[in-house]
């Protein structure tokens, strides 16, 4: 994931890596966009979220990667 070993440590070097920081900024931007799409009824734009999920499946994202991203 992001060119890093999934079994590697999430240390200061990992968190400071340019590639990781760029992806983290894209992730935060995506959350910002998703939150801005919440309508008055509180529902997200469902289709765009599903399309984004499908793209990430094609990128090879796996469920076991989620804890690393959240950390």
N, C-alpha and C. Protein backbone atom coordinates (compact mmCIF):
# COMPACT_ATOMS: atom_id res chain seq x y z
N UNK A 1 0.85 -1.17 0.00
CA UNK A 1 0.00 0.00 0.00
C UNK A 1 0.89 1.23 0.00
N UNK A 2 0.67 2.13 -0.94
CA UNK A 2 1.47 3.33 -1.12
C UNK A 2 2.95 2.99 -1.33
N UNK A 3 3.24 1.76 -1.74
CA UNK A 3 4.62 1.35 -1.95
C UNK A 3 5.34 0.96 -0.67
N UNK A 4 4.62 0.75 0.41
CA UNK A 4 5.23 0.38 1.68
C UNK A 4 4.87 -1.04 2.06
N UNK A 5 5.70 -1.64 2.88
CA UNK A 5 5.48 -2.99 3.40
C UNK A 5 4.35 -2.95 4.42
N UNK A 6 3.31 -3.78 4.20
CA UNK A 6 2.19 -3.80 5.13
C UNK A 6 2.59 -4.25 6.53
N UNK A 7 3.68 -4.98 6.64
CA UNK A 7 4.14 -5.44 7.94
C UNK A 7 5.12 -4.47 8.59
N UNK A 8 5.46 -3.40 7.88
CA UNK A 8 6.41 -2.42 8.40
C UNK A 8 5.80 -1.56 9.48
N UNK A 9 6.66 -0.89 10.20
CA UNK A 9 6.22 -0.01 11.28
C UNK A 9 5.68 1.31 10.72
N UNK A 10 4.68 1.83 11.38
CA UNK A 10 4.18 3.16 11.06
C UNK A 10 4.90 4.10 12.02
N UNK A 11 6.07 4.57 11.58
CA UNK A 11 6.90 5.41 12.43
C UNK A 11 6.99 6.81 11.83
N UNK A 12 7.81 7.65 12.42
CA UNK A 12 7.95 9.04 11.95
C UNK A 12 8.41 9.10 10.49
N UNK A 13 9.30 8.20 10.10
CA UNK A 13 9.78 8.18 8.72
C UNK A 13 8.64 7.85 7.75
N UNK A 14 7.83 6.87 8.10
CA UNK A 14 6.68 6.48 7.28
C UNK A 14 5.72 7.66 7.14
N UNK A 15 5.39 8.29 8.27
CA UNK A 15 4.42 9.38 8.27
C UNK A 15 4.92 10.62 7.56
N UNK A 16 6.25 10.79 7.45
CA UNK A 16 6.81 11.97 6.80
C UNK A 16 7.10 11.75 5.32
N UNK A 17 6.97 10.52 4.84
CA UNK A 17 7.29 10.23 3.44
C UNK A 17 6.39 11.03 2.50
N UNK A 18 6.98 11.63 1.49
CA UNK A 18 6.26 12.50 0.56
C UNK A 18 5.06 11.79 -0.07
N UNK A 19 5.24 10.55 -0.48
CA UNK A 19 4.16 9.80 -1.12
C UNK A 19 2.99 9.58 -0.15
N UNK A 20 3.31 9.25 1.11
CA UNK A 20 2.27 9.03 2.11
C UNK A 20 1.55 10.34 2.43
N UNK A 21 2.28 11.41 2.60
CA UNK A 21 1.68 12.71 2.91
C UNK A 21 0.76 13.16 1.78
N UNK A 22 1.18 12.97 0.53
CA UNK A 22 0.35 13.35 -0.61
C UNK A 22 -0.96 12.56 -0.62
N UNK A 23 -0.86 11.26 -0.36
CA UNK A 23 -2.08 10.45 -0.34
C UNK A 23 -2.97 10.83 0.83
N UNK A 24 -2.37 11.11 1.98
CA UNK A 24 -3.15 11.52 3.15
C UNK A 24 -3.90 12.82 2.86
N UNK A 25 -3.26 13.75 2.16
CA UNK A 25 -3.91 15.01 1.81
C UNK A 25 -5.07 14.75 0.85
N UNK A 26 -4.91 13.82 -0.08
CA UNK A 26 -6.00 13.47 -1.00
C UNK A 26 -7.16 12.84 -0.22
N UNK A 27 -6.84 12.02 0.76
CA UNK A 27 -7.87 11.37 1.57
C UNK A 27 -8.67 12.41 2.35
N UNK A 28 -7.98 13.35 2.97
CA UNK A 28 -8.67 14.41 3.72
C UNK A 28 -9.52 15.25 2.78
N UNK A 29 -9.01 15.54 1.59
CA UNK A 29 -9.77 16.30 0.60
C UNK A 29 -11.03 15.55 0.20
N UNK A 30 -10.93 14.22 0.04
CA UNK A 30 -12.09 13.41 -0.32
C UNK A 30 -13.14 13.47 0.78
N UNK A 31 -12.70 13.37 2.04
CA UNK A 31 -13.64 13.47 3.16
C UNK A 31 -14.32 14.84 3.16
N UNK A 32 -13.53 15.87 2.91
CA UNK A 32 -14.09 17.23 2.87
C UNK A 32 -15.15 17.35 1.78
N UNK A 33 -14.85 16.80 0.60
CA UNK A 33 -15.83 16.84 -0.50
C UNK A 33 -17.07 16.03 -0.15
N UNK A 34 -16.88 14.85 0.44
CA UNK A 34 -18.02 14.01 0.80
C UNK A 34 -18.90 14.72 1.82
N UNK A 35 -18.29 15.34 2.81
CA UNK A 35 -19.07 16.04 3.82
C UNK A 35 -19.81 17.24 3.23
N UNK A 36 -19.21 17.88 2.23
CA UNK A 36 -19.87 19.02 1.61
C UNK A 36 -21.06 18.59 0.75
N UNK A 37 -21.14 17.29 0.42
CA UNK A 37 -22.24 16.78 -0.40
C UNK A 37 -23.42 16.29 0.44
N UNK A 38 -23.31 16.42 1.76
CA UNK A 38 -24.42 16.00 2.60
C UNK A 38 -25.58 16.97 2.38
N UNK A 39 -26.69 16.42 2.02
CA UNK A 39 -27.87 17.25 1.77
C UNK A 39 -28.63 17.54 3.05
N UNK A 40 -29.71 18.27 2.90
CA UNK A 40 -30.53 18.63 4.05
C UNK A 40 -31.08 17.40 4.76
N UNK A 41 -31.28 16.31 4.03
CA UNK A 41 -31.81 15.10 4.64
C UNK A 41 -30.71 14.24 5.27
N UNK A 42 -29.45 14.69 5.20
CA UNK A 42 -28.36 13.99 5.83
C UNK A 42 -27.79 12.83 5.02
N UNK A 43 -28.24 12.65 3.80
CA UNK A 43 -27.75 11.54 2.98
C UNK A 43 -26.58 11.99 2.09
N UNK A 44 -25.60 11.14 1.97
CA UNK A 44 -24.48 11.41 1.06
C UNK A 44 -24.88 11.08 -0.37
N UNK A 45 -24.16 11.62 -1.29
CA UNK A 45 -24.36 11.28 -2.69
C UNK A 45 -23.87 9.84 -2.87
N UNK A 46 -24.78 8.92 -2.79
CA UNK A 46 -24.50 7.48 -2.73
C UNK A 46 -23.73 6.97 -3.94
N UNK A 47 -24.10 7.38 -5.12
CA UNK A 47 -23.49 6.83 -6.34
C UNK A 47 -22.00 7.17 -6.41
N UNK A 48 -21.61 8.41 -6.09
CA UNK A 48 -20.19 8.79 -6.15
C UNK A 48 -19.36 7.99 -5.16
N UNK A 49 -19.91 7.75 -3.97
CA UNK A 49 -19.18 6.98 -2.96
C UNK A 49 -18.99 5.54 -3.44
N UNK A 50 -20.02 4.95 -4.04
CA UNK A 50 -19.90 3.59 -4.57
C UNK A 50 -18.88 3.52 -5.70
N UNK A 51 -18.85 4.53 -6.57
CA UNK A 51 -17.87 4.56 -7.66
C UNK A 51 -16.45 4.66 -7.12
N UNK A 52 -16.25 5.48 -6.09
CA UNK A 52 -14.93 5.61 -5.49
C UNK A 52 -14.50 4.28 -4.87
N UNK A 53 -15.43 3.59 -4.21
CA UNK A 53 -15.11 2.28 -3.64
C UNK A 53 -14.73 1.28 -4.70
N UNK A 54 -15.44 1.28 -5.83
CA UNK A 54 -15.13 0.36 -6.92
C UNK A 54 -13.74 0.63 -7.50
N UNK A 55 -13.38 1.91 -7.62
CA UNK A 55 -12.04 2.25 -8.10
C UNK A 55 -10.98 1.68 -7.18
N UNK A 56 -11.20 1.80 -5.87
CA UNK A 56 -10.20 1.31 -4.92
C UNK A 56 -10.11 -0.20 -4.91
N UNK A 57 -11.20 -0.90 -5.19
CA UNK A 57 -11.14 -2.35 -5.34
C UNK A 57 -10.23 -2.68 -6.53
N UNK A 58 -10.38 -1.93 -7.61
CA UNK A 58 -9.53 -2.15 -8.79
C UNK A 58 -8.07 -1.82 -8.52
N UNK A 59 -7.81 -0.90 -7.57
CA UNK A 59 -6.42 -0.57 -7.19
C UNK A 59 -5.80 -1.65 -6.34
N UNK A 60 -6.62 -2.60 -5.88
CA UNK A 60 -6.09 -3.68 -5.04
C UNK A 60 -6.23 -3.43 -3.55
N UNK A 61 -7.01 -2.41 -3.16
CA UNK A 61 -7.21 -2.14 -1.74
C UNK A 61 -7.92 -3.32 -1.10
N UNK A 62 -7.42 -3.71 0.06
CA UNK A 62 -7.97 -4.85 0.79
C UNK A 62 -8.37 -4.42 2.20
N UNK A 63 -9.33 -5.12 2.77
CA UNK A 63 -9.86 -4.77 4.09
C UNK A 63 -8.76 -4.67 5.16
N UNK A 64 -7.75 -5.52 5.07
CA UNK A 64 -6.69 -5.50 6.09
C UNK A 64 -5.83 -4.23 6.04
N UNK A 65 -5.99 -3.44 4.99
CA UNK A 65 -5.25 -2.17 4.88
C UNK A 65 -5.92 -1.04 5.67
N UNK A 66 -7.20 -1.17 5.99
CA UNK A 66 -7.93 -0.10 6.66
C UNK A 66 -7.32 0.33 7.99
N UNK A 67 -6.92 -0.60 8.87
CA UNK A 67 -6.32 -0.15 10.13
C UNK A 67 -5.06 0.68 9.93
N UNK A 68 -4.27 0.37 8.91
CA UNK A 68 -3.05 1.13 8.65
C UNK A 68 -3.41 2.55 8.23
N UNK A 69 -4.41 2.70 7.37
CA UNK A 69 -4.83 4.02 6.91
C UNK A 69 -5.40 4.83 8.07
N UNK A 70 -6.21 4.19 8.91
CA UNK A 70 -6.82 4.93 10.03
C UNK A 70 -5.78 5.37 11.03
N UNK A 71 -4.71 4.58 11.18
CA UNK A 71 -3.64 4.96 12.11
C UNK A 71 -2.93 6.20 11.60
